[in-house]
Protein backbone atom coordinates (compact mmCIF):
# COMPACT_ATOMS: atom_id res chain seq x y z
CA MET A 1 -16.06 -78.68 14.21
CA SER A 2 -14.84 -80.20 10.94
CA SER A 3 -16.95 -82.82 9.21
CA MET A 4 -14.32 -85.49 9.95
CA CYS A 5 -14.41 -84.65 13.67
CA LYS A 6 -18.23 -84.71 13.61
CA ASP A 7 -18.21 -88.07 11.83
CA VAL A 8 -15.87 -89.61 14.40
CA ALA A 9 -17.89 -88.13 17.29
CA ALA A 10 -21.06 -89.65 15.81
CA PHE A 11 -19.34 -93.05 15.49
CA HIS A 12 -18.19 -92.96 19.11
CA GLU A 13 -21.60 -91.88 20.38
CA LEU A 14 -23.87 -94.03 18.22
CA ILE A 15 -21.83 -97.17 17.64
CA LEU A 16 -19.49 -97.37 20.62
CA LYS A 17 -21.91 -95.69 23.07
CA ASP A 18 -18.84 -93.80 24.26
CA HIS A 19 -19.11 -90.07 24.77
CA GLY A 20 -15.96 -88.02 24.76
CA GLU A 21 -15.02 -85.78 27.62
CA SER A 22 -16.58 -82.33 27.56
CA TYR A 23 -13.51 -81.06 29.41
CA PRO A 24 -9.96 -81.60 28.04
CA SER A 25 -8.74 -84.66 29.93
CA LEU A 26 -5.94 -87.18 29.93
CA ILE A 27 -6.79 -90.78 29.11
CA SER A 28 -5.86 -93.70 31.31
CA LEU A 29 -2.62 -95.52 30.61
CA ASP A 30 -4.60 -98.66 29.70
CA TYR A 31 -6.70 -96.74 27.17
CA CYS A 32 -3.55 -95.06 25.83
CA VAL A 33 -1.92 -98.46 25.27
CA GLU A 34 -5.07 -99.66 23.45
CA ARG A 35 -4.98 -96.62 21.15
CA ILE A 36 -1.26 -97.11 20.45
CA ARG A 37 -1.91 -100.74 19.49
CA PHE A 38 -4.79 -99.62 17.28
CA LEU A 39 -2.66 -96.95 15.57
CA LYS A 40 0.19 -99.43 15.09
CA GLU A 41 -2.21 -101.94 13.51
CA GLU A 42 -3.38 -99.31 11.01
CA LEU A 43 0.21 -98.21 10.32
CA ASP A 44 1.18 -101.84 9.70
CA GLU A 45 -1.74 -102.13 7.27
CA PHE A 46 -0.47 -99.01 5.48
CA ALA A 47 3.01 -100.51 5.22
CA ALA A 48 1.67 -103.82 3.89
CA ALA A 49 -0.52 -102.07 1.31
CA ALA A 50 2.39 -99.85 0.25
CA GLY A 51 4.57 -102.95 -0.14
CA ASP A 52 1.88 -104.49 -2.35
CA ALA A 53 1.44 -101.24 -4.33
CA ASN A 54 -2.24 -101.40 -3.32
CA ILE A 55 -3.63 -97.88 -3.59
CA VAL A 56 -7.03 -98.90 -2.20
CA GLY A 57 -5.40 -100.52 0.84
CA ILE A 58 -3.12 -97.52 1.32
CA SER A 59 -6.13 -95.19 1.16
CA ASP A 60 -8.09 -97.27 3.65
CA ALA A 61 -5.17 -97.46 6.07
CA LEU A 62 -4.55 -93.71 5.90
CA ALA A 63 -8.22 -92.97 6.58
CA ASP A 64 -8.22 -95.46 9.46
CA LEU A 65 -5.12 -93.82 10.99
CA VAL A 66 -6.86 -90.45 10.91
CA TYR A 67 -10.09 -91.98 12.26
CA VAL A 68 -8.31 -93.54 15.25
CA ALA A 69 -6.32 -90.36 15.96
CA LEU A 70 -9.47 -88.21 15.81
CA GLY A 71 -11.30 -90.72 18.00
CA THR A 72 -8.57 -90.46 20.60
CA ALA A 73 -8.77 -86.65 20.54
CA TYR A 74 -12.57 -86.88 20.81
CA LYS A 75 -12.34 -89.23 23.79
CA MET A 76 -9.99 -86.75 25.48
CA GLY A 77 -12.30 -83.79 24.87
CA LEU A 78 -9.64 -81.95 22.89
CA PRO A 79 -10.56 -79.00 20.64
CA PHE A 80 -8.95 -80.75 17.69
CA ASP A 81 -9.98 -78.26 15.01
CA GLU A 82 -8.11 -75.51 16.85
CA ILE A 83 -5.16 -77.80 17.54
CA TRP A 84 -5.03 -78.64 13.83
CA VAL A 85 -4.90 -74.95 12.89
CA ALA A 86 -2.06 -74.33 15.36
CA VAL A 87 0.00 -77.25 14.00
CA HIS A 88 -0.73 -76.31 10.38
CA GLU A 89 0.30 -72.70 10.92
CA ALA A 90 3.55 -73.81 12.59
CA ASN A 91 4.25 -76.26 9.77
CA MET A 92 3.69 -73.52 7.19
CA ARG A 93 6.55 -71.57 8.79
CA LYS A 94 8.99 -74.41 8.09
CA VAL A 95 11.25 -74.51 5.05
CA SER A 96 12.12 -77.23 2.58
CA GLY A 97 15.35 -79.03 3.35
CA MET A 98 17.13 -82.13 4.61
CA THR A 99 16.58 -83.15 8.22
CA LYS A 100 18.17 -85.76 10.44
CA ARG A 101 15.49 -88.19 9.23
CA GLY A 102 17.29 -88.29 5.90
CA ASN A 103 14.15 -88.02 3.79
CA ARG A 104 14.67 -86.80 0.25
CA VAL A 105 11.83 -84.29 0.67
CA ASP A 106 11.31 -82.87 4.15
CA ALA A 107 10.51 -79.69 6.04
CA MET A 108 12.87 -78.25 8.59
CA LYS A 109 12.56 -75.70 11.34
CA PRO A 110 14.36 -72.49 10.39
CA ALA A 111 16.19 -70.35 12.94
CA GLY A 112 13.66 -68.67 15.20
CA TRP A 113 10.90 -71.14 14.35
CA VAL A 114 8.21 -71.29 17.02
CA GLY A 115 6.28 -74.50 17.53
CA PRO A 116 2.54 -74.82 18.06
CA GLU A 117 2.64 -75.70 21.75
CA ALA A 118 1.60 -72.28 23.12
CA ALA A 119 -1.32 -72.04 20.69
CA ILE A 120 -2.37 -75.60 21.54
CA ALA A 121 -2.25 -74.81 25.26
CA ARG A 122 -4.41 -71.70 24.67
CA ALA A 123 -6.96 -73.75 22.70
CA ILE A 124 -7.17 -76.35 25.48
CA MET A 125 -7.53 -73.64 28.13
CA ARG A 126 -10.28 -71.88 26.13
CA LYS A 127 -12.26 -75.10 25.91
CA ALA A 128 -11.74 -75.80 29.60
CA GLU A 129 -12.89 -72.29 30.51
CA ASN A 130 -15.95 -72.53 28.23
CA VAL A 131 -16.96 -75.84 29.82
CA GLN A 132 -16.67 -74.37 33.31
CA ALA A 133 -18.62 -71.20 32.41
């Protein structure tokens, strides 16, 4: 488990007294809505700091976005380190180019590109099988 994942797990356990699921699980709709609001709040803080050209505020908001996302994955019992690897490997098979988003610098999916979904599903199943064993 990465140090960031360990840090977030420690925060949830020690500060929030909230232990994540040992088995990959969905979260309730109410909890999902809370996490979306939390992520939006941090994204709004990033936008405000960017508008103010505040590099400290931008840095804080980016770290908070990651913290909340990792906390959500922890709460769900997801094997996030493995999920990260799957997404990273899929992203590394993309190519530089213009997408429908219209960003000046972007990565696009070349012909035959395969997304990370199958690898993510395998990681989740491995964790589920290890918990049951």
